[in-house]
Amino acid sequence: MEITKEEAIALVQEELDHQYPKFSEIDAAEQVVLPEKTMDFSFGWVVFYGSKRFARSGLNLDTYTRKHGTEVIVADNMPYIVDRQGYLCITGKAYPIEYYIEEHRKNVFPGWPNGGAEAILQVDMSVKTFASTFNRPLHRGKEEGMGWFSSSFVELDSIGPVVISSFDHIEQHGAVVYVDRLIDEGFAEPQIIKEFGLKSGNIVWRSRDQNNFDSFPKY
């Protein structure tokens, strides 16, 4: 089910509250969405944010930085892209927002060819490390009852889309790797190990060893 613009803005604020600790005595440390800067696109929205002090000031970014410096508003340069299914894509500060919008358009998850996925590996690699290493987008999502998770994906010629994902509260246990539900595990596993540059010590869990998926994000 698609979300609305208002729900997208609220979702980003929820993520900010989750990521940035609140210090009542240091109001500038609290990050808030800047709804008036939200940009609309066919795929969803680009949602900007900054410090609460900046938002309350009513000043534009240039005027504020001249008066107060940049130490509490650098986040304003790192908006979230939110798609209509409620997934957040983290951008960056290295390029203008137009670059990240175009990258998002080119890197939309294609979906599972056979309508679903199976978890086949758990590895001691963080999703953030994976996304950085393979120059892939980093996404954020929230699952009812389990909380926030990070995910990224890549398409391999041999097996199609591969997703790597982990919940925030168990991130220290590594990330889970998913493939299309009809891909043979015995074929997919060595392909992933080779493409990801994994060694035997990097493998925490194999689906062929046990069948407990309760703590994994659902795809």
C-alpha atoms as a PDB file:
ATOM      1  CA  MET A   1       0.000   0.000   0.000  1.00  0.00           C
ATOM      2  CA  GLU A   2       1.351   3.421  -0.932  1.00  0.00           C
ATOM      3  CA  ILE A   3       1.969   6.071   1.705  1.00  0.00           C
ATOM      4  CA  THR A   4       1.059   9.757   1.525  1.00  0.00           C
ATOM      5  CA  LYS A   5       3.354  12.773   1.553  1.00  0.00           C
ATOM      6  CA  GLU A   6       2.401  13.482   5.154  1.00  0.00           C
ATOM      7  CA  GLU A   7       3.200   9.895   6.137  1.00  0.00           C
ATOM      8  CA  ALA A   8       6.562  10.138   4.356  1.00  0.00           C
ATOM      9  CA  ILE A   9       7.458  13.284   6.312  1.00  0.00           C
ATOM     10  CA  ALA A  10       6.363  11.651   9.580  1.00  0.00           C
ATOM     11  CA  LEU A  11       8.412   8.548   8.771  1.00  0.00           C
ATOM     12  CA  VAL A  12      11.573  10.613   8.275  1.00  0.00           C
ATOM     13  CA  GLN A  13      10.954  12.395  11.582  1.00  0.00           C
ATOM     14  CA  GLU A  14      10.573   9.009  13.272  1.00  0.00           C
ATOM     15  CA  GLU A  15      13.870   7.888  11.768  1.00  0.00           C
ATOM     16  CA  LEU A  16      15.560  11.104  12.934  1.00  0.00           C
ATOM     17  CA  ASP A  17      14.252  10.568  16.457  1.00  0.00           C
ATOM     18  CA  HIS A  18      15.639   7.035  16.278  1.00  0.00           C
ATOM     19  CA  GLN A  19      19.057   8.067  14.944  1.00  0.00           C
ATOM     20  CA  TYR A  20      19.739  11.339  16.775  1.00  0.00           C
ATOM     21  CA  PRO A  21      19.678  11.435  20.613  1.00  0.00           C
ATOM     22  CA  LYS A  22      17.682  14.272  22.098  1.00  0.00           C
ATOM     23  CA  PHE A  23      19.385  16.607  24.547  1.00  0.00           C
ATOM     24  CA  SER A  24      16.889  18.984  26.088  1.00  0.00           C
ATOM     25  CA  GLU A  25      19.685  21.224  27.323  1.00  0.00           C
ATOM     26  CA  ILE A  26      21.224  21.391  23.818  1.00  0.00           C
ATOM     27  CA  ASP A  27      18.295  22.180  21.562  1.00  0.00           C
ATOM     28  CA  ALA A  28      20.512  22.375  18.472  1.00  0.00           C
ATOM     29  CA  ALA A  29      21.316  18.658  18.695  1.00  0.00           C
ATOM     30  CA  GLU A  30      17.726  17.630  17.957  1.00  0.00           C
ATOM     31  CA  GLN A  31      17.008  17.122  14.266  1.00  0.00           C
ATOM     32  CA  VAL A  32      13.607  17.947  12.775  1.00  0.00           C
ATOM     33  CA  VAL A  33      12.039  17.652   9.346  1.00  0.00           C
ATOM     34  CA  LEU A  34      11.660  20.841   7.293  1.00  0.00           C
ATOM     35  CA  PRO A  35       8.277  20.086   5.628  1.00  0.00           C
ATOM     36  CA  GLU A  36       8.233  23.235   3.497  1.00  0.00           C
ATOM     37  CA  LYS A  37      11.367  22.038   1.654  1.00  0.00           C
ATOM     38  CA  THR A  38       9.894  18.639   0.690  1.00  0.00           C
ATOM     39  CA  MET A  39      10.159  17.923  -3.039  1.00  0.00           C
ATOM     40  CA  ASP A  40       7.542  15.845  -4.916  1.00  0.00           C
ATOM     41  CA  PHE A  41       8.420  13.263  -7.570  1.00  0.00           C
ATOM     42  CA  SER A  42       6.646  10.413  -9.319  1.00  0.00           C
ATOM     43  CA  PHE A  43       8.629   7.886  -7.219  1.00  0.00           C
ATOM     44  CA  GLY A  44       7.928   9.658  -3.929  1.00  0.00           C
ATOM     45  CA  TRP A  45       9.524  12.575  -2.095  1.00  0.00           C
ATOM     46  CA  VAL A  46      12.795  14.154  -1.038  1.00  0.00           C
ATOM     47  CA  VAL A  47      12.518  15.189   2.612  1.00  0.00           C
ATOM     48  CA  PHE A  48      14.978  17.660   4.131  1.00  0.00           C
ATOM     49  CA  TYR A  49      15.839  18.202   7.771  1.00  0.00           C
ATOM     50  CA  GLY A  50      18.030  20.298  10.056  1.00  0.00           C
ATOM     51  CA  SER A  51      18.488  21.254  13.689  1.00  0.00           C
ATOM     52  CA  LYS A  52      15.450  22.352  15.660  1.00  0.00           C
ATOM     53  CA  ARG A  53      17.222  25.657  16.372  1.00  0.00           C
ATOM     54  CA  PHE A  54      17.622  26.220  12.619  1.00  0.00           C
ATOM     55  CA  ALA A  55      13.995  25.295  11.930  1.00  0.00           C
ATOM     56  CA  ARG A  56      12.741  27.676  14.612  1.00  0.00           C
ATOM     57  CA  SER A  57      14.930  30.548  13.432  1.00  0.00           C
ATOM     58  CA  GLY A  58      12.904  31.161  10.266  1.00  0.00           C
ATOM     59  CA  LEU A  59      16.163  32.048   8.475  1.00  0.00           C
ATOM     60  CA  ASN A  60      17.387  30.584   5.218  1.00  0.00           C
ATOM     61  CA  LEU A  61      20.452  28.351   5.322  1.00  0.00           C
ATOM     62  CA  ASP A  62      22.959  30.989   4.175  1.00  0.00           C
ATOM     63  CA  THR A  63      21.776  33.607   6.669  1.00  0.00           C
ATOM     64  CA  TYR A  64      21.725  31.096   9.517  1.00  0.00           C
ATOM     65  CA  THR A  65      25.253  29.852   8.871  1.00  0.00           C
ATOM     66  CA  ARG A  66      26.586  33.421   8.774  1.00  0.00           C
ATOM     67  CA  LYS A  67      25.034  34.098  12.167  1.00  0.00           C
ATOM     68  CA  HIS A  68      25.549  30.771  13.962  1.00  0.00           C
ATOM     69  CA  GLY A  69      28.019  28.644  12.006  1.00  0.00           C
ATOM     70  CA  THR A  70      27.481  25.230  10.450  1.00  0.00           C
ATOM     71  CA  GLU A  71      28.144  22.856  13.330  1.00  0.00           C
ATOM     72  CA  VAL A  72      24.466  22.011  13.961  1.00  0.00           C
ATOM     73  CA  ILE A  73      22.953  22.112  10.480  1.00  0.00           C
ATOM     74  CA  VAL A  74      25.225  19.968   8.318  1.00  0.00           C
ATOM     75  CA  ALA A  75      22.455  17.379   8.295  1.00  0.00           C
ATOM     76  CA  ASP A  76      20.369  19.776   6.227  1.00  0.00           C
ATOM     77  CA  ASN A  77      22.576  18.802   3.281  1.00  0.00           C
ATOM     78  CA  MET A  78      21.706  15.087   3.593  1.00  0.00           C
ATOM     79  CA  PRO A  79      17.997  14.684   2.804  1.00  0.00           C
ATOM     80  CA  TYR A  80      16.144  11.380   2.652  1.00  0.00           C
ATOM     81  CA  ILE A  81      14.522  10.028  -0.478  1.00  0.00           C
ATOM     82  CA  VAL A  82      11.259   8.306   0.460  1.00  0.00           C
ATOM     83  CA  ASP A  83       9.500   6.052  -2.024  1.00  0.00           C
ATOM     84  CA  ARG A  84       5.753   5.483  -2.084  1.00  0.00           C
ATOM     85  CA  GLN A  85       6.112   2.102  -0.365  1.00  0.00           C
ATOM     86  CA  GLY A  86       7.636   3.755   2.705  1.00  0.00           C
ATOM     87  CA  TYR A  87      11.314   2.929   2.222  1.00  0.00           C
ATOM     88  CA  LEU A  88      13.913   5.603   2.957  1.00  0.00           C
ATOM     89  CA  CYS A  89      17.086   6.065   0.928  1.00  0.00           C
ATOM     90  CA  ILE A  90      19.960   7.915   2.561  1.00  0.00           C
ATOM     91  CA  THR A  91      21.696  10.467   0.340  1.00  0.00           C
ATOM     92  CA  GLY A  92      24.945  12.292   1.038  1.00  0.00           C
ATOM     93  CA  LYS A  93      26.840  15.593   0.987  1.00  0.00           C
ATOM     94  CA  ALA A  94      29.398  14.924  -1.739  1.00  0.00           C
ATOM     95  CA  TYR A  95      27.099  15.910  -4.627  1.00  0.00           C
ATOM     96  CA  PRO A  96      24.035  18.122  -5.217  1.00  0.00           C
ATOM     97  CA  ILE A  97      20.690  16.490  -4.410  1.00  0.00           C
ATOM     98  CA  GLU A  98      19.963  16.176  -8.150  1.00  0.00           C
ATOM     99  CA  TYR A  99      22.739  13.594  -8.391  1.00  0.00           C
ATOM    100  CA  TYR A 100      21.183  11.407  -5.677  1.00  0.00           C
ATOM    101  CA  ILE A 101      17.733  11.726  -7.215  1.00  0.00           C
ATOM    102  CA  GLU A 102      19.059  10.505 -10.556  1.00  0.00           C
ATOM    103  CA  GLU A 103      20.956   7.664  -8.874  1.00  0.00           C
ATOM    104  CA  HIS A 104      17.753   6.673  -7.091  1.00  0.00           C
ATOM    105  CA  ARG A 105      15.861   6.573 -10.382  1.00  0.00           C
ATOM    106  CA  LYS A 106      18.542   4.267 -11.836  1.00  0.00           C
ATOM    107  CA  ASN A 107      18.724   1.992  -8.800  1.00  0.00           C
ATOM    108  CA  VAL A 108      15.134   1.079  -8.032  1.00  0.00           C
ATOM    109  CA  PHE A 109      14.863  -2.453  -6.664  1.00  0.00           C
ATOM    110  CA  PRO A 110      13.509  -4.579  -9.547  1.00  0.00           C
ATOM    111  CA  GLY A 111      11.463  -6.896  -7.357  1.00  0.00           C
ATOM    112  CA  TRP A 112      11.723 -10.641  -6.947  1.00  0.00           C
ATOM    113  CA  PRO A 113      11.196 -12.519 -10.239  1.00  0.00           C
ATOM    114  CA  ASN A 114       9.138 -15.215  -8.533  1.00  0.00           C
ATOM    115  CA  GLY A 115       7.295 -13.057  -6.034  1.00  0.00           C
ATOM    116  CA  GLY A 116       9.336 -13.610  -2.904  1.00  0.00           C
ATOM    117  CA  ALA A 117      12.722 -14.228  -1.311  1.00  0.00           C
ATOM    118  CA  GLU A 118      14.515 -16.680   0.935  1.00  0.00           C
ATOM    119  CA  ALA A 119      17.288 -15.956   3.435  1.00  0.00           C
ATOM    120  CA  ILE A 120      20.272 -18.155   2.627  1.00  0.00           C
ATOM    121  CA  LEU A 121      23.207 -16.655   4.554  1.00  0.00           C
ATOM    122  CA  GLN A 122      24.006 -14.526   7.566  1.00  0.00           C
ATOM    123  CA  VAL A 123      27.378 -12.807   7.278  1.00  0.00           C
ATOM    124  CA  ASP A 124      29.550 -10.685   9.558  1.00  0.00           C
ATOM    125  CA  MET A 125      29.350  -7.693   7.226  1.00  0.00           C
ATOM    126  CA  SER A 126      27.311  -4.619   8.055  1.00  0.00           C
ATOM    127  CA  VAL A 127      24.827  -3.349   5.478  1.00  0.00           C
ATOM    128  CA  LYS A 128      26.531   0.057   5.565  1.00  0.00           C
ATOM    129  CA  THR A 129      29.893  -1.549   4.747  1.00  0.00           C
ATOM    130  CA  PHE A 130      28.318  -3.526   1.911  1.00  0.00           C
ATOM    131  CA  ALA A 131      26.669  -0.431   0.404  1.00  0.00           C
ATOM    132  CA  SER A 132      29.904   1.546   0.641  1.00  0.00           C
ATOM    133  CA  THR A 133      32.102  -1.268  -0.726  1.00  0.00           C
ATOM    134  CA  PHE A 134      29.885  -1.993  -3.720  1.00  0.00           C
ATOM    135  CA  ASN A 135      28.717   1.602  -4.264  1.00  0.00           C
ATOM    136  CA  ARG A 136      25.091   0.655  -3.734  1.00  0.00           C
ATOM    137  CA  PRO A 137      22.217   2.667  -2.226  1.00  0.00           C
ATOM    138  CA  LEU A 138      21.557   2.295   1.501  1.00  0.00           C
ATOM    139  CA  HIS A 139      17.889   2.017   2.427  1.00  0.00           C
ATOM    140  CA  ARG A 140      16.036   2.235   5.709  1.00  0.00           C
ATOM    141  CA  GLY A 141      12.719   0.634   6.577  1.00  0.00           C
ATOM    142  CA  LYS A 142      10.560  -0.297   9.543  1.00  0.00           C
ATOM    143  CA  GLU A 143       8.835  -3.599  10.220  1.00  0.00           C
ATOM    144  CA  GLU A 144       5.909  -3.863  12.615  1.00  0.00           C
ATOM    145  CA  GLY A 145       6.981  -5.412  15.893  1.00  0.00           C
ATOM    146  CA  MET A 146      10.683  -5.520  15.010  1.00  0.00           C
ATOM    147  CA  GLY A 147      11.657  -1.892  14.414  1.00  0.00           C
ATOM    148  CA  TRP A 148      14.077  -0.228  12.015  1.00  0.00           C
ATOM    149  CA  PHE A 149      16.354  -2.052   9.618  1.00  0.00           C
ATOM    150  CA  SER A 150      18.930  -1.203   6.951  1.00  0.00           C
ATOM    151  CA  SER A 151      19.105  -2.868   3.552  1.00  0.00           C
ATOM    152  CA  SER A 152      20.893  -2.690   0.224  1.00  0.00           C
ATOM    153  CA  PHE A 153      20.849  -4.738  -2.944  1.00  0.00           C
ATOM    154  CA  VAL A 154      22.848  -5.713  -6.001  1.00  0.00           C
ATOM    155  CA  GLU A 155      21.951  -7.643  -9.151  1.00  0.00           C
ATOM    156  CA  LEU A 156      24.224 -10.518 -10.098  1.00  0.00           C
ATOM    157  CA  ASP A 157      24.158 -11.902 -13.628  1.00  0.00           C
ATOM    158  CA  SER A 158      24.160 -15.466 -12.353  1.00  0.00           C
ATOM    159  CA  ILE A 159      21.321 -15.320  -9.791  1.00  0.00           C
ATOM    160  CA  GLY A 160      19.511 -11.982 -10.167  1.00  0.00           C
ATOM    161  CA  PRO A 161      18.731  -9.610  -7.273  1.00  0.00           C
ATOM    162  CA  VAL A 162      20.486 -10.117  -3.936  1.00  0.00           C
ATOM    163  CA  VAL A 163      19.417  -8.178  -0.827  1.00  0.00           C
ATOM    164  CA  ILE A 164      21.475  -7.758   2.343  1.00  0.00           C
ATOM    165  CA  SER A 165      19.644  -6.525   5.423  1.00  0.00           C
ATOM    166  CA  SER A 166      19.797  -6.287   9.226  1.00  0.00           C
ATOM    167  CA  PHE A 167      17.673  -4.977  12.082  1.00  0.00           C
ATOM    168  CA  ASP A 168      19.216  -2.185  14.145  1.00  0.00           C
ATOM    169  CA  HIS A 169      18.789  -3.983  17.472  1.00  0.00           C
ATOM    170  CA  ILE A 170      20.681  -7.106  16.320  1.00  0.00           C
ATOM    171  CA  GLU A 171      23.090  -5.441  13.887  1.00  0.00           C
ATOM    172  CA  GLN A 172      26.061  -6.716  15.897  1.00  0.00           C
ATOM    173  CA  HIS A 173      25.177 -10.254  14.768  1.00  0.00           C
ATOM    174  CA  GLY A 174      25.745  -9.393  11.116  1.00  0.00           C
ATOM    175  CA  ALA A 175      23.448  -9.101   8.113  1.00  0.00           C
ATOM    176  CA  VAL A 176      21.200 -11.559   6.290  1.00  0.00           C
ATOM    177  CA  VAL A 177      21.498 -12.236   2.550  1.00  0.00           C
ATOM    178  CA  TYR A 178      18.362 -12.935   0.486  1.00  0.00           C
ATOM    179  CA  VAL A 179      17.874 -14.325  -3.009  1.00  0.00           C
ATOM    180  CA  ASP A 180      14.815 -15.136  -5.112  1.00  0.00           C
ATOM    181  CA  ARG A 181      12.822 -17.922  -3.477  1.00  0.00           C
ATOM    182  CA  LEU A 182      13.199 -20.290  -6.439  1.00  0.00           C
ATOM    183  CA  ILE A 183      16.993 -19.963  -6.766  1.00  0.00           C
ATOM    184  CA  ASP A 184      18.790 -23.143  -5.719  1.00  0.00           C
ATOM    185  CA  GLU A 185      20.651 -22.462  -2.467  1.00  0.00           C
ATOM    186  CA  GLY A 186      23.527 -24.746  -3.376  1.00  0.00           C
ATOM    187  CA  PHE A 187      24.096 -22.745  -6.546  1.00  0.00           C
ATOM    188  CA  ALA A 188      23.508 -19.274  -5.084  1.00  0.00           C
ATOM    189  CA  GLU A 189      25.708 -19.577  -2.006  1.00  0.00           C
ATOM    190  CA  PRO A 190      29.100 -19.953  -3.754  1.00  0.00           C
ATOM    191  CA  GLN A 191      28.151 -17.183  -6.209  1.00  0.00           C
ATOM    192  CA  ILE A 192      27.499 -14.785  -3.343  1.00  0.00           C
ATOM    193  CA  ILE A 193      30.635 -15.815  -1.450  1.00  0.00           C
ATOM    194  CA  LYS A 194      32.715 -15.155  -4.572  1.00  0.00           C
ATOM    195  CA  GLU A 195      31.070 -11.852  -5.546  1.00  0.00           C
ATOM    196  CA  PHE A 196      31.121 -10.472  -1.971  1.00  0.00           C
ATOM    197  CA  GLY A 197      34.698 -11.614  -1.357  1.00  0.00           C
ATOM    198  CA  LEU A 198      33.663 -13.645   1.716  1.00  0.00           C
ATOM    199  CA  LYS A 199      35.737 -16.246   3.521  1.00  0.00           C
ATOM    200  CA  SER A 200      34.509 -19.169   5.597  1.00  0.00           C
ATOM    201  CA  GLY A 201      35.042 -17.155   8.771  1.00  0.00           C
ATOM    202  CA  ASN A 202      32.619 -14.501   7.511  1.00  0.00           C
ATOM    203  CA  ILE A 203      29.693 -16.950   7.415  1.00  0.00           C
ATOM    204  CA  VAL A 204      27.618 -16.816  10.607  1.00  0.00           C
ATOM    205  CA  TRP A 205      24.676 -18.944   9.445  1.00  0.00           C
ATOM    206  CA  ARG A 206      23.586 -21.018   6.447  1.00  0.00           C
ATOM    207  CA  SER A 207      19.969 -21.799   5.573  1.00  0.00           C
ATOM    208  CA  ARG A 208      20.992 -25.355   4.841  1.00  0.00           C
ATOM    209  CA  ASP A 209      22.080 -25.752   8.467  1.00  0.00           C
ATOM    210  CA  GLN A 210      18.869 -24.586  10.141  1.00  0.00           C
ATOM    211  CA  ASN A 211      15.550 -22.972   9.322  1.00  0.00           C
ATOM    212  CA  ASN A 212      14.859 -20.204  11.849  1.00  0.00           C
ATOM    213  CA  PHE A 213      14.024 -16.905  10.109  1.00  0.00           C
ATOM    214  CA  ASP A 214      12.144 -15.250  12.983  1.00  0.00           C
ATOM    215  CA  SER A 215      14.733 -12.502  13.543  1.00  0.00           C
ATOM    216  CA  PHE A 216      15.195 -11.583   9.880  1.00  0.00           C
ATOM    217  CA  PRO A 217      13.496  -8.754   7.962  1.00  0.00           C
ATOM    218  CA  LYS A 218      10.810 -10.164   5.644  1.00  0.00           C
ATOM    219  CA  TYR A 219      11.140  -9.750   1.878  1.00  0.00           C
END
